[in-house]
N, C-alpha and C. Protein backbone atom coordinates (compact mmCIF):
# COMPACT_ATOMS: atom_id res chain seq x y z
N UNK A 1 0.85 -1.20 0.00
CA UNK A 1 0.00 0.00 0.00
C UNK A 1 0.88 1.23 0.00
N UNK A 2 0.54 2.20 -0.82
CA UNK A 2 1.32 3.42 -0.90
C UNK A 2 0.83 4.46 0.11
N UNK A 3 1.72 5.33 0.52
CA UNK A 3 1.40 6.37 1.48
C UNK A 3 1.96 7.68 0.99
N UNK A 4 1.41 8.77 1.51
CA UNK A 4 1.97 10.08 1.23
C UNK A 4 2.65 10.56 2.49
N UNK A 5 3.92 10.93 2.36
CA UNK A 5 4.67 11.43 3.50
C UNK A 5 5.22 12.80 3.14
N UNK A 6 4.74 13.84 3.83
CA UNK A 6 5.14 15.19 3.50
C UNK A 6 4.70 15.49 2.10
N UNK A 7 5.66 15.85 1.23
CA UNK A 7 5.34 16.15 -0.16
C UNK A 7 5.76 15.02 -1.08
N UNK A 8 5.94 13.80 -0.50
CA UNK A 8 6.42 12.68 -1.29
C UNK A 8 5.38 11.56 -1.34
N UNK A 9 5.28 10.92 -2.47
CA UNK A 9 4.50 9.69 -2.56
C UNK A 9 5.49 8.56 -2.46
N UNK A 10 5.32 7.69 -1.48
CA UNK A 10 6.27 6.62 -1.25
C UNK A 10 5.53 5.32 -1.06
N UNK A 11 6.28 4.19 -1.05
CA UNK A 11 5.69 2.92 -0.74
C UNK A 11 5.47 2.07 -1.97
N UNK A 12 4.68 1.03 -1.83
CA UNK A 12 4.42 0.11 -2.91
C UNK A 12 2.93 -0.07 -3.09
N UNK A 13 2.56 -0.68 -4.19
CA UNK A 13 1.16 -0.91 -4.50
C UNK A 13 0.87 -2.40 -4.45
N UNK A 14 -0.22 -2.77 -3.82
CA UNK A 14 -0.60 -4.18 -3.78
C UNK A 14 -0.89 -4.67 -5.19
N UNK A 15 -0.66 -5.97 -5.47
CA UNK A 15 -0.93 -6.52 -6.81
C UNK A 15 -2.35 -6.24 -7.28
N UNK A 16 -2.48 -5.79 -8.53
CA UNK A 16 -3.78 -5.46 -9.10
C UNK A 16 -3.98 -6.27 -10.37
N UNK A 17 -5.19 -6.67 -10.66
CA UNK A 17 -5.46 -7.35 -11.92
C UNK A 17 -5.10 -6.40 -13.06
N UNK A 18 -4.07 -6.76 -13.84
CA UNK A 18 -3.59 -5.88 -14.90
C UNK A 18 -4.66 -5.66 -15.97
N UNK A 19 -5.45 -6.69 -16.24
CA UNK A 19 -6.49 -6.55 -17.25
C UNK A 19 -7.55 -5.55 -16.79
N UNK A 20 -7.99 -5.68 -15.53
CA UNK A 20 -8.97 -4.76 -14.98
C UNK A 20 -8.41 -3.34 -14.94
N UNK A 21 -7.17 -3.24 -14.54
CA UNK A 21 -6.53 -1.92 -14.44
C UNK A 21 -6.40 -1.29 -15.83
N UNK A 22 -6.00 -2.08 -16.82
CA UNK A 22 -5.80 -1.56 -18.18
C UNK A 22 -7.09 -0.95 -18.73
N UNK A 23 -8.18 -1.73 -18.67
CA UNK A 23 -9.44 -1.24 -19.23
C UNK A 23 -10.06 -0.16 -18.36
N UNK A 24 -9.97 -0.33 -17.03
CA UNK A 24 -10.52 0.68 -16.13
C UNK A 24 -9.81 2.00 -16.26
N UNK A 25 -8.50 1.96 -16.42
CA UNK A 25 -7.72 3.19 -16.55
C UNK A 25 -8.10 3.94 -17.83
N UNK A 26 -8.33 3.18 -18.91
CA UNK A 26 -8.69 3.84 -20.17
C UNK A 26 -10.06 4.50 -20.06
N UNK A 27 -11.00 3.86 -19.40
CA UNK A 27 -12.32 4.44 -19.19
C UNK A 27 -12.21 5.73 -18.39
N UNK A 28 -11.41 5.69 -17.33
CA UNK A 28 -11.21 6.88 -16.50
C UNK A 28 -10.54 7.98 -17.30
N UNK A 29 -9.57 7.62 -18.14
CA UNK A 29 -8.87 8.61 -18.96
C UNK A 29 -9.83 9.33 -19.91
N UNK A 30 -10.67 8.55 -20.59
CA UNK A 30 -11.61 9.15 -21.54
C UNK A 30 -12.60 10.05 -20.83
N UNK A 31 -13.17 9.55 -19.72
CA UNK A 31 -14.14 10.35 -18.97
C UNK A 31 -13.48 11.61 -18.40
N UNK A 32 -12.29 11.46 -17.84
CA UNK A 32 -11.59 12.61 -17.27
C UNK A 32 -11.23 13.65 -18.31
N UNK A 33 -10.77 13.18 -19.49
CA UNK A 33 -10.39 14.11 -20.56
C UNK A 33 -11.61 14.86 -21.08
N UNK A 34 -12.72 14.15 -21.27
CA UNK A 34 -13.94 14.79 -21.75
C UNK A 34 -14.44 15.84 -20.77
N UNK A 35 -14.50 15.45 -19.50
CA UNK A 35 -14.97 16.39 -18.47
C UNK A 35 -14.03 17.59 -18.38
N UNK A 36 -12.73 17.32 -18.42
CA UNK A 36 -11.75 18.40 -18.32
C UNK A 36 -11.84 19.36 -19.49
N UNK A 37 -11.98 18.82 -20.70
CA UNK A 37 -12.07 19.69 -21.87
C UNK A 37 -13.32 20.56 -21.85
N UNK A 38 -14.43 20.00 -21.36
CA UNK A 38 -15.67 20.78 -21.28
C UNK A 38 -15.58 21.86 -20.19
N UNK A 39 -15.19 21.45 -19.00
CA UNK A 39 -15.18 22.39 -17.87
C UNK A 39 -14.08 23.44 -17.98
N UNK A 40 -12.98 23.07 -18.60
CA UNK A 40 -11.83 23.98 -18.64
C UNK A 40 -11.73 24.78 -19.93
N UNK A 41 -12.72 24.65 -20.81
CA UNK A 41 -12.70 25.42 -22.05
C UNK A 41 -12.57 26.92 -21.80
N UNK A 42 -13.32 27.52 -20.87
CA UNK A 42 -13.15 28.96 -20.62
C UNK A 42 -11.74 29.31 -20.16
N UNK A 43 -11.15 28.45 -19.33
CA UNK A 43 -9.79 28.69 -18.86
C UNK A 43 -8.81 28.63 -20.03
N UNK A 44 -8.97 27.63 -20.88
CA UNK A 44 -8.05 27.48 -22.01
C UNK A 44 -8.21 28.61 -23.02
N UNK A 45 -9.42 29.08 -23.21
CA UNK A 45 -9.62 30.23 -24.10
C UNK A 45 -8.95 31.47 -23.52
N UNK A 46 -9.04 31.63 -22.20
CA UNK A 46 -8.39 32.77 -21.54
C UNK A 46 -6.88 32.69 -21.68
N UNK A 47 -6.32 31.48 -21.53
CA UNK A 47 -4.88 31.30 -21.69
C UNK A 47 -4.46 31.60 -23.12
N UNK A 48 -5.25 31.12 -24.08
CA UNK A 48 -4.94 31.37 -25.50
C UNK A 48 -4.92 32.86 -25.79
N UNK A 49 -5.88 33.59 -25.24
CA UNK A 49 -5.95 35.03 -25.46
C UNK A 49 -4.75 35.73 -24.82
N UNK A 50 -4.37 35.28 -23.62
CA UNK A 50 -3.23 35.89 -22.93
C UNK A 50 -1.94 35.68 -23.72
N UNK A 51 -1.75 34.48 -24.26
CA UNK A 51 -0.56 34.20 -25.07
C UNK A 51 -0.54 35.07 -26.32
N UNK A 52 -1.69 35.17 -26.97
CA UNK A 52 -1.76 35.96 -28.20
C UNK A 52 -1.45 37.44 -27.93
N UNK A 53 -2.00 37.98 -26.84
CA UNK A 53 -1.76 39.38 -26.50
C UNK A 53 -0.32 39.62 -26.07
N UNK A 54 0.31 38.60 -25.50
CA UNK A 54 1.68 38.75 -25.01
C UNK A 54 2.69 38.64 -26.15
N UNK A 55 2.61 37.57 -26.93
CA UNK A 55 3.63 37.34 -27.95
C UNK A 55 3.07 36.88 -29.29
N UNK A 56 1.75 36.93 -29.46
CA UNK A 56 1.17 36.56 -30.74
C UNK A 56 1.08 35.07 -30.96
N UNK A 57 1.05 34.68 -32.22
CA UNK A 57 0.94 33.27 -32.60
C UNK A 57 2.32 32.63 -32.67
N UNK A 58 2.40 31.29 -32.58
CA UNK A 58 1.32 30.32 -32.38
C UNK A 58 0.91 30.22 -30.90
N UNK A 59 -0.26 29.69 -30.66
CA UNK A 59 -0.75 29.49 -29.30
C UNK A 59 -0.30 28.15 -28.75
N UNK A 60 -0.34 27.14 -29.61
CA UNK A 60 -0.02 25.77 -29.21
C UNK A 60 1.39 25.40 -29.68
N UNK A 61 2.12 24.76 -28.80
CA UNK A 61 3.44 24.23 -29.13
C UNK A 61 3.31 22.71 -29.32
N UNK A 62 3.76 22.21 -30.47
CA UNK A 62 3.68 20.78 -30.77
C UNK A 62 5.08 20.17 -30.72
N UNK A 63 5.19 19.09 -29.97
CA UNK A 63 6.49 18.47 -29.77
C UNK A 63 6.40 16.97 -30.00
N UNK A 64 7.26 16.44 -30.86
CA UNK A 64 7.23 15.00 -31.13
C UNK A 64 7.96 14.26 -30.02
N UNK A 65 7.26 13.33 -29.38
CA UNK A 65 7.81 12.54 -28.30
C UNK A 65 7.56 11.06 -28.57
N UNK A 66 7.97 10.23 -27.60
CA UNK A 66 7.74 8.79 -27.68
C UNK A 66 6.50 8.42 -26.88
N UNK A 67 5.58 7.69 -27.52
CA UNK A 67 4.41 7.19 -26.82
C UNK A 67 4.63 5.75 -26.40
N UNK A 68 3.53 5.04 -26.17
CA UNK A 68 3.60 3.65 -25.76
C UNK A 68 4.30 2.82 -26.83
N UNK A 69 5.19 1.92 -26.38
CA UNK A 69 5.99 1.06 -27.26
C UNK A 69 6.91 1.87 -28.17
N UNK A 70 7.16 3.11 -27.83
CA UNK A 70 8.07 3.93 -28.60
C UNK A 70 7.48 4.55 -29.84
N UNK A 71 6.16 4.42 -30.02
CA UNK A 71 5.51 5.02 -31.18
C UNK A 71 5.58 6.55 -31.08
N UNK A 72 5.90 7.25 -32.16
CA UNK A 72 5.97 8.71 -32.11
C UNK A 72 4.59 9.33 -31.95
N UNK A 73 4.49 10.30 -31.07
CA UNK A 73 3.24 11.06 -30.88
C UNK A 73 3.58 12.54 -30.86
N UNK A 74 2.61 13.37 -31.18
CA UNK A 74 2.79 14.82 -31.13
C UNK A 74 2.07 15.33 -29.88
N UNK A 75 2.85 15.76 -28.91
CA UNK A 75 2.32 16.23 -27.63
C UNK A 75 2.00 17.72 -27.73
N UNK A 76 0.82 18.09 -27.26
CA UNK A 76 0.36 19.47 -27.33
C UNK A 76 0.57 20.19 -26.00
N UNK A 77 1.01 21.43 -26.09
CA UNK A 77 1.16 22.28 -24.90
C UNK A 77 0.87 23.72 -25.30
N UNK A 78 0.45 24.52 -24.34
CA UNK A 78 0.41 25.95 -24.60
C UNK A 78 1.84 26.46 -24.71
N UNK A 79 2.08 27.30 -25.68
CA UNK A 79 3.45 27.82 -25.87
C UNK A 79 3.86 28.70 -24.70
N UNK A 80 5.00 28.40 -24.13
CA UNK A 80 5.51 29.16 -22.99
C UNK A 80 6.82 29.88 -23.31
N UNK A 81 7.36 29.63 -24.50
CA UNK A 81 8.61 30.27 -24.89
C UNK A 81 8.41 31.05 -26.18
N UNK A 82 9.35 31.91 -26.45
CA UNK A 82 9.27 32.70 -27.67
C UNK A 82 9.37 31.76 -28.87
N UNK A 83 8.61 32.03 -29.89
CA UNK A 83 8.54 31.15 -31.05
C UNK A 83 9.93 30.93 -31.64
N UNK A 84 10.27 29.68 -31.86
CA UNK A 84 11.58 29.34 -32.43
C UNK A 84 12.70 29.30 -31.42
N UNK A 85 12.38 29.43 -30.14
CA UNK A 85 13.43 29.51 -29.12
C UNK A 85 14.22 28.22 -28.97
N UNK A 86 13.62 27.08 -29.38
CA UNK A 86 14.33 25.81 -29.25
C UNK A 86 15.58 25.79 -30.12
N UNK A 87 15.60 26.60 -31.17
CA UNK A 87 16.78 26.66 -32.03
C UNK A 87 17.94 27.38 -31.33
N UNK A 88 17.62 28.15 -30.30
CA UNK A 88 18.65 28.94 -29.61
C UNK A 88 19.18 28.26 -28.35
N UNK A 89 18.68 27.05 -28.05
CA UNK A 89 19.10 26.38 -26.82
C UNK A 89 20.59 26.08 -26.81
N UNK A 90 21.10 25.53 -27.91
CA UNK A 90 22.52 25.19 -27.98
C UNK A 90 23.39 26.42 -27.79
N UNK A 91 23.00 27.53 -28.42
CA UNK A 91 23.75 28.78 -28.29
C UNK A 91 23.73 29.27 -26.85
N UNK A 92 22.57 29.15 -26.20
CA UNK A 92 22.44 29.59 -24.81
C UNK A 92 23.32 28.76 -23.88
N UNK A 93 23.33 27.45 -24.09
CA UNK A 93 24.12 26.57 -23.22
C UNK A 93 25.62 26.73 -23.47
N UNK A 94 25.98 27.02 -24.71
CA UNK A 94 27.39 27.21 -25.02
C UNK A 94 27.94 28.48 -24.39
N UNK A 95 27.09 29.50 -24.31
CA UNK A 95 27.52 30.80 -23.79
C UNK A 95 27.54 30.85 -22.26
N UNK A 96 26.90 29.89 -21.60
CA UNK A 96 26.79 29.95 -20.14
C UNK A 96 27.07 28.56 -19.56
N UNK A 97 28.26 28.41 -18.96
CA UNK A 97 28.68 27.11 -18.43
C UNK A 97 27.76 26.64 -17.30
N UNK A 98 27.32 27.56 -16.45
CA UNK A 98 26.46 27.19 -15.33
C UNK A 98 25.12 26.65 -15.83
N UNK A 99 24.56 27.31 -16.84
CA UNK A 99 23.30 26.83 -17.41
C UNK A 99 23.50 25.48 -18.10
N UNK A 100 24.64 25.30 -18.75
CA UNK A 100 24.90 24.04 -19.43
C UNK A 100 24.92 22.88 -18.45
N UNK A 101 25.59 23.07 -17.32
CA UNK A 101 25.67 22.03 -16.30
C UNK A 101 24.29 21.74 -15.70
N UNK A 102 23.50 22.80 -15.50
CA UNK A 102 22.16 22.62 -14.96
C UNK A 102 21.30 21.81 -15.92
N UNK A 103 21.38 22.14 -17.21
CA UNK A 103 20.57 21.45 -18.20
C UNK A 103 21.00 19.99 -18.35
N UNK A 104 22.28 19.72 -18.29
CA UNK A 104 22.76 18.35 -18.40
C UNK A 104 22.26 17.50 -17.25
N UNK A 105 22.11 18.12 -16.06
CA UNK A 105 21.66 17.37 -14.90
C UNK A 105 20.17 17.17 -14.82
N UNK A 106 19.40 18.17 -15.27
CA UNK A 106 17.94 18.12 -15.07
C UNK A 106 17.13 18.16 -16.36
N UNK A 107 17.77 18.47 -17.47
CA UNK A 107 17.10 18.66 -18.76
C UNK A 107 16.11 19.82 -18.73
N UNK A 108 16.32 20.74 -17.78
CA UNK A 108 15.49 21.93 -17.66
C UNK A 108 16.37 23.07 -17.16
N UNK A 109 15.86 24.31 -17.31
CA UNK A 109 16.54 25.48 -16.77
C UNK A 109 15.58 26.18 -15.82
N UNK A 110 16.03 26.42 -14.60
CA UNK A 110 15.16 27.07 -13.61
C UNK A 110 14.81 28.49 -14.05
N UNK A 111 15.78 29.24 -14.53
CA UNK A 111 15.52 30.59 -15.02
C UNK A 111 15.88 30.62 -16.51
N UNK A 112 14.90 30.36 -17.32
CA UNK A 112 15.12 30.25 -18.76
C UNK A 112 14.75 31.58 -19.43
N UNK A 113 15.74 32.30 -19.99
CA UNK A 113 15.47 33.61 -20.59
C UNK A 113 14.60 33.53 -21.84
N UNK A 114 14.40 32.35 -22.38
CA UNK A 114 13.56 32.20 -23.57
C UNK A 114 12.08 32.22 -23.23
N UNK A 115 11.75 32.09 -21.96
CA UNK A 115 10.35 31.98 -21.54
C UNK A 115 9.65 33.33 -21.60
N UNK A 116 8.40 33.32 -22.01
CA UNK A 116 7.62 34.56 -22.08
C UNK A 116 7.05 34.91 -20.71
N UNK A 117 6.47 36.11 -20.60
CA UNK A 117 5.88 36.52 -19.32
C UNK A 117 4.73 35.61 -18.94
N UNK A 118 3.85 35.34 -19.90
CA UNK A 118 2.74 34.42 -19.65
C UNK A 118 3.27 33.01 -19.41
N UNK A 119 4.33 32.65 -20.13
CA UNK A 119 4.91 31.32 -19.99
C UNK A 119 5.42 31.02 -18.60
N UNK A 120 5.96 32.02 -17.93
CA UNK A 120 6.45 31.82 -16.56
C UNK A 120 5.31 31.37 -15.65
N UNK A 121 4.16 32.03 -15.78
CA UNK A 121 2.99 31.67 -14.97
C UNK A 121 2.47 30.28 -15.33
N UNK A 122 2.40 30.01 -16.63
CA UNK A 122 1.87 28.72 -17.07
C UNK A 122 2.75 27.56 -16.61
N UNK A 123 4.06 27.74 -16.66
CA UNK A 123 4.96 26.69 -16.20
C UNK A 123 4.85 26.50 -14.69
N UNK A 124 4.76 27.60 -13.96
CA UNK A 124 4.70 27.50 -12.50
C UNK A 124 3.45 26.77 -12.04
N UNK A 125 2.35 26.93 -12.76
CA UNK A 125 1.09 26.31 -12.38
C UNK A 125 0.79 25.03 -13.16
N UNK A 126 1.65 24.71 -14.13
CA UNK A 126 1.47 23.54 -15.00
C UNK A 126 0.25 23.65 -15.91
N UNK A 127 -0.30 24.84 -16.06
CA UNK A 127 -1.46 25.02 -16.93
C UNK A 127 -1.10 24.88 -18.41
N UNK A 128 0.17 24.94 -18.72
CA UNK A 128 0.58 24.75 -20.11
C UNK A 128 0.31 23.33 -20.60
N UNK A 129 0.06 22.41 -19.65
CA UNK A 129 -0.18 21.02 -20.00
C UNK A 129 -1.63 20.74 -20.42
N UNK A 130 -2.55 21.67 -20.21
CA UNK A 130 -3.97 21.40 -20.43
C UNK A 130 -4.31 20.88 -21.83
N UNK A 131 -3.67 21.35 -22.90
CA UNK A 131 -4.01 20.80 -24.23
C UNK A 131 -3.76 19.30 -24.35
N UNK A 132 -2.97 18.74 -23.45
CA UNK A 132 -2.70 17.31 -23.51
C UNK A 132 -3.92 16.47 -23.14
N UNK A 133 -4.98 17.12 -22.66
CA UNK A 133 -6.24 16.39 -22.47
C UNK A 133 -6.71 15.81 -23.80
N UNK A 134 -6.40 16.49 -24.89
CA UNK A 134 -6.75 15.97 -26.21
C UNK A 134 -5.92 14.72 -26.52
N UNK A 135 -4.62 14.74 -26.17
CA UNK A 135 -3.78 13.56 -26.35
C UNK A 135 -4.32 12.37 -25.57
N UNK A 136 -4.86 12.65 -24.39
CA UNK A 136 -5.46 11.59 -23.57
C UNK A 136 -6.71 11.06 -24.24
N UNK A 137 -7.55 11.95 -24.71
CA UNK A 137 -8.83 11.56 -25.31
C UNK A 137 -8.64 10.64 -26.51
N UNK A 138 -7.64 10.92 -27.34
CA UNK A 138 -7.44 10.11 -28.55
C UNK A 138 -6.58 8.87 -28.29
N UNK A 139 -6.18 8.66 -27.03
CA UNK A 139 -5.48 7.44 -26.68
C UNK A 139 -3.98 7.47 -26.78
N UNK A 140 -3.39 8.64 -26.98
CA UNK A 140 -1.93 8.74 -27.08
C UNK A 140 -1.28 8.86 -25.71
N UNK A 141 -2.03 9.41 -24.76
CA UNK A 141 -1.52 9.62 -23.41
C UNK A 141 -2.55 9.18 -22.39
N UNK A 142 -2.14 9.21 -21.13
CA UNK A 142 -3.02 8.91 -20.01
C UNK A 142 -3.02 10.10 -19.06
N UNK A 143 -3.98 10.17 -18.17
CA UNK A 143 -3.97 11.24 -17.18
C UNK A 143 -2.76 11.09 -16.25
N UNK A 144 -2.42 9.85 -15.90
CA UNK A 144 -1.29 9.58 -15.00
C UNK A 144 -0.35 8.60 -15.68
N UNK A 145 0.93 8.91 -15.65
CA UNK A 145 1.93 8.03 -16.24
C UNK A 145 3.27 8.73 -16.32
N UNK A 146 4.28 8.10 -16.86
CA UNK A 146 5.57 8.77 -17.05
C UNK A 146 5.40 9.92 -18.04
N UNK A 147 6.23 10.92 -17.93
CA UNK A 147 6.16 12.01 -18.90
C UNK A 147 6.59 11.50 -20.27
N UNK A 148 6.07 12.08 -21.34
CA UNK A 148 6.52 11.68 -22.69
C UNK A 148 7.93 12.21 -22.95
N UNK A 149 8.79 11.33 -23.40
CA UNK A 149 10.20 11.69 -23.56
C UNK A 149 10.58 11.87 -25.03
N UNK A 150 11.62 12.68 -25.24
CA UNK A 150 12.25 12.75 -26.55
C UNK A 150 13.04 11.45 -26.76
N UNK A 151 13.20 11.05 -28.02
CA UNK A 151 13.89 9.80 -28.31
C UNK A 151 15.31 9.79 -27.76
N UNK A 152 16.03 10.89 -27.91
CA UNK A 152 17.43 10.92 -27.49
C UNK A 152 17.59 10.88 -25.98
N UNK A 153 16.53 11.18 -25.23
CA UNK A 153 16.63 11.19 -23.77
C UNK A 153 16.70 9.78 -23.18
N UNK A 154 16.22 8.79 -23.92
CA UNK A 154 16.16 7.43 -23.38
C UNK A 154 17.21 6.49 -23.95
N UNK A 155 18.06 7.00 -24.83
CA UNK A 155 19.11 6.17 -25.42
C UNK A 155 20.06 5.68 -24.32
N UNK A 156 20.20 4.37 -24.22
CA UNK A 156 21.12 3.78 -23.25
C UNK A 156 20.62 3.79 -21.82
N UNK A 157 19.38 4.20 -21.60
CA UNK A 157 18.83 4.26 -20.24
C UNK A 157 18.17 2.93 -19.88
N UNK A 158 18.55 2.32 -18.76
CA UNK A 158 17.96 1.03 -18.39
C UNK A 158 16.47 1.12 -18.08
N UNK A 159 15.97 2.31 -17.76
CA UNK A 159 14.56 2.48 -17.43
C UNK A 159 13.66 2.58 -18.67
N UNK A 160 14.26 2.66 -19.85
CA UNK A 160 13.50 2.91 -21.07
C UNK A 160 12.42 1.85 -21.31
N UNK A 161 12.75 0.58 -21.06
CA UNK A 161 11.77 -0.50 -21.29
C UNK A 161 10.52 -0.29 -20.46
N UNK A 162 10.70 0.04 -19.17
CA UNK A 162 9.55 0.30 -18.31
C UNK A 162 8.75 1.50 -18.80
N UNK A 163 9.44 2.59 -19.07
CA UNK A 163 8.77 3.84 -19.39
C UNK A 163 7.99 3.77 -20.70
N UNK A 164 8.46 2.97 -21.64
CA UNK A 164 7.79 2.88 -22.94
C UNK A 164 6.77 1.74 -22.99
N UNK A 165 6.57 1.05 -21.88
CA UNK A 165 5.60 -0.04 -21.85
C UNK A 165 4.19 0.45 -21.55
N UNK A 166 4.05 1.73 -21.19
CA UNK A 166 2.74 2.30 -20.86
C UNK A 166 2.56 3.62 -21.59
N UNK A 167 1.32 4.11 -21.61
CA UNK A 167 1.08 5.43 -22.18
C UNK A 167 1.71 6.49 -21.29
N UNK A 168 2.35 7.50 -21.87
CA UNK A 168 2.86 8.61 -21.05
C UNK A 168 1.69 9.38 -20.45
N UNK A 169 1.95 10.12 -19.37
CA UNK A 169 0.87 10.81 -18.67
C UNK A 169 1.05 12.31 -18.59
N UNK A 170 -0.05 12.99 -18.34
CA UNK A 170 0.00 14.45 -18.11
C UNK A 170 0.69 14.72 -16.78
N UNK A 171 0.40 13.90 -15.79
CA UNK A 171 1.06 14.02 -14.49
C UNK A 171 1.56 12.65 -14.09
N UNK A 172 2.43 12.62 -13.09
CA UNK A 172 2.99 11.34 -12.67
C UNK A 172 3.82 11.45 -11.41
N UNK A 173 4.55 10.39 -11.14
CA UNK A 173 5.32 10.28 -9.91
C UNK A 173 6.34 11.40 -9.76
N UNK A 174 6.98 11.78 -10.86
CA UNK A 174 8.02 12.81 -10.80
C UNK A 174 7.44 14.16 -10.42
N UNK A 175 6.30 14.51 -11.00
CA UNK A 175 5.72 15.83 -10.76
C UNK A 175 5.33 16.05 -9.30
N UNK A 176 5.02 14.99 -8.59
CA UNK A 176 4.58 15.15 -7.20
C UNK A 176 5.64 14.71 -6.20
N UNK A 177 6.83 14.48 -6.68
CA UNK A 177 7.93 14.08 -5.81
C UNK A 177 9.15 14.98 -6.03
N UNK A 178 9.02 16.24 -5.66
CA UNK A 178 10.15 17.16 -5.75
C UNK A 178 10.59 17.45 -7.15
N UNK A 179 9.65 17.78 -8.00
CA UNK A 179 9.90 17.98 -9.43
C UNK A 179 11.13 18.83 -9.72
N UNK A 180 11.21 20.00 -9.15
CA UNK A 180 12.31 20.91 -9.48
C UNK A 180 13.61 20.56 -8.77
N UNK A 181 13.55 19.61 -7.83
CA UNK A 181 14.74 19.25 -7.07
C UNK A 181 15.38 17.95 -7.56
N UNK A 182 14.80 17.33 -8.56
CA UNK A 182 15.27 16.04 -9.04
C UNK A 182 16.18 16.18 -10.25
N UNK A 183 17.24 15.35 -10.29
CA UNK A 183 18.05 15.28 -11.50
C UNK A 183 17.29 14.43 -12.52
N UNK A 184 17.73 14.48 -13.75
CA UNK A 184 17.06 13.72 -14.80
C UNK A 184 17.13 12.22 -14.51
N UNK A 185 18.27 11.75 -14.02
CA UNK A 185 18.42 10.33 -13.70
C UNK A 185 17.48 9.91 -12.58
N UNK A 186 17.33 10.76 -11.57
CA UNK A 186 16.41 10.47 -10.47
C UNK A 186 14.97 10.43 -10.98
N UNK A 187 14.66 11.31 -11.91
CA UNK A 187 13.32 11.34 -12.50
C UNK A 187 13.00 10.02 -13.19
N UNK A 188 13.95 9.48 -13.95
CA UNK A 188 13.72 8.22 -14.64
C UNK A 188 13.48 7.07 -13.66
N UNK A 189 14.24 7.06 -12.58
CA UNK A 189 14.08 6.01 -11.56
C UNK A 189 12.70 6.10 -10.91
N UNK A 190 12.26 7.32 -10.58
CA UNK A 190 10.94 7.52 -9.98
C UNK A 190 9.84 7.02 -10.91
N UNK A 191 9.94 7.36 -12.17
CA UNK A 191 8.88 6.99 -13.11
C UNK A 191 8.90 5.50 -13.43
N UNK A 192 10.07 4.88 -13.41
CA UNK A 192 10.15 3.44 -13.55
C UNK A 192 9.51 2.77 -12.34
N UNK A 193 9.71 3.35 -11.17
CA UNK A 193 9.09 2.87 -9.93
C UNK A 193 7.57 2.90 -10.07
N UNK A 194 7.05 3.95 -10.65
CA UNK A 194 5.60 4.05 -10.85
C UNK A 194 5.10 2.93 -11.77
N UNK A 195 5.78 2.72 -12.89
CA UNK A 195 5.32 1.72 -13.87
C UNK A 195 5.24 0.34 -13.22
N UNK A 196 6.21 0.01 -12.40
CA UNK A 196 6.26 -1.32 -11.78
C UNK A 196 5.21 -1.49 -10.68
N UNK A 197 4.72 -0.39 -10.11
CA UNK A 197 3.80 -0.48 -8.98
C UNK A 197 2.46 0.20 -9.23
N UNK A 198 2.18 0.52 -10.48
CA UNK A 198 1.00 1.29 -10.80
C UNK A 198 -0.29 0.55 -10.43
N UNK A 199 -1.29 1.33 -10.11
CA UNK A 199 -2.60 0.79 -9.74
C UNK A 199 -3.55 1.95 -9.51
N UNK A 200 -4.82 1.64 -9.33
CA UNK A 200 -5.83 2.69 -9.17
C UNK A 200 -5.53 3.58 -7.97
N UNK A 201 -5.14 2.99 -6.87
CA UNK A 201 -4.92 3.77 -5.66
C UNK A 201 -3.74 4.73 -5.82
N UNK A 202 -2.67 4.25 -6.39
CA UNK A 202 -1.51 5.11 -6.61
C UNK A 202 -1.84 6.23 -7.58
N UNK A 203 -2.59 5.93 -8.64
CA UNK A 203 -3.00 6.96 -9.60
C UNK A 203 -3.82 8.04 -8.90
N UNK A 204 -4.74 7.63 -8.03
CA UNK A 204 -5.58 8.60 -7.33
C UNK A 204 -4.74 9.50 -6.43
N UNK A 205 -3.79 8.92 -5.72
CA UNK A 205 -2.92 9.72 -4.85
C UNK A 205 -2.11 10.74 -5.65
N UNK A 206 -1.64 10.33 -6.81
CA UNK A 206 -0.86 11.24 -7.66
C UNK A 206 -1.73 12.37 -8.17
N UNK A 207 -2.97 12.07 -8.58
CA UNK A 207 -3.89 13.11 -9.07
C UNK A 207 -4.18 14.11 -7.96
N UNK A 208 -4.45 13.63 -6.76
CA UNK A 208 -4.75 14.53 -5.64
C UNK A 208 -3.55 15.42 -5.32
N UNK A 209 -2.35 14.83 -5.35
CA UNK A 209 -1.14 15.62 -5.09
C UNK A 209 -0.89 16.62 -6.21
N UNK A 210 -1.28 16.26 -7.44
CA UNK A 210 -1.11 17.16 -8.58
C UNK A 210 -1.96 18.41 -8.42
N UNK A 211 -3.21 18.25 -7.98
CA UNK A 211 -4.07 19.42 -7.76
C UNK A 211 -3.42 20.38 -6.77
N UNK A 212 -2.82 19.84 -5.75
CA UNK A 212 -2.14 20.70 -4.76
C UNK A 212 -0.97 21.44 -5.40
N UNK A 213 -0.21 20.74 -6.23
CA UNK A 213 0.94 21.37 -6.88
C UNK A 213 0.49 22.48 -7.84
N UNK A 214 -0.62 22.26 -8.54
CA UNK A 214 -1.13 23.27 -9.49
C UNK A 214 -1.55 24.53 -8.75
N UNK A 215 -2.27 24.35 -7.65
CA UNK A 215 -2.78 25.51 -6.92
C UNK A 215 -1.69 26.27 -6.17
N UNK A 216 -0.64 25.57 -5.77
CA UNK A 216 0.44 26.22 -5.03
C UNK A 216 1.60 26.63 -5.92
N UNK A 217 1.68 26.01 -7.11
CA UNK A 217 2.82 26.30 -8.00
C UNK A 217 4.12 25.73 -7.46
N UNK A 218 4.01 24.81 -6.52
CA UNK A 218 5.20 24.29 -5.86
C UNK A 218 5.92 23.25 -6.73
N UNK A 219 7.22 23.37 -6.79
CA UNK A 219 8.03 22.37 -7.44
C UNK A 219 8.09 22.43 -8.94
N UNK A 220 7.53 23.46 -9.55
CA UNK A 220 7.53 23.53 -11.01
C UNK A 220 8.33 24.73 -11.48
N UNK A 221 8.95 24.57 -12.68
CA UNK A 221 9.61 25.70 -13.32
C UNK A 221 9.76 25.44 -14.80
């Protein structure tokens, strides 16, 4: 049985019928995505308007990642960086040794100068992830699971088999276990831990912890 201790989800999950869990999880994903898309439409329209007024088009950022079994999927997010900024990442890391070391360790930058004003807020609250409800609805992602990874991020990683055996999720073990304090290697271990122990109860605990993280903005950047 899993427990929540402080801001961490720890423990193990009792054995669950994988067949029941597989079909039940998909039903929950579809229902959750539909409800979320309907109820959050005003919020998403407001975010789209804020992005447009801040930096114009595009509103949505599309990123090719690995889905279940390594199949390529296009993950949707609200754009949080200046358009085309991904082309400037190498230049940014080359010019700043401290940023380069940070990115190598976490695959993220705590203070990323490419981020827009609206993007800072969206990243802190994780609201940039809302378009991924569509990815969930069409079966490319799940509400809870490992994050979708770029192909080069999993090359030579022993956790890759676990992580690619399930649908990636909008939220997961990493997001509710010290997201901004974890190295990339620690993140992979946490998410592999989730895949091996996943179940309805653990998913529910992660979702509840995610709501807290969204409202507090804790652990995200």
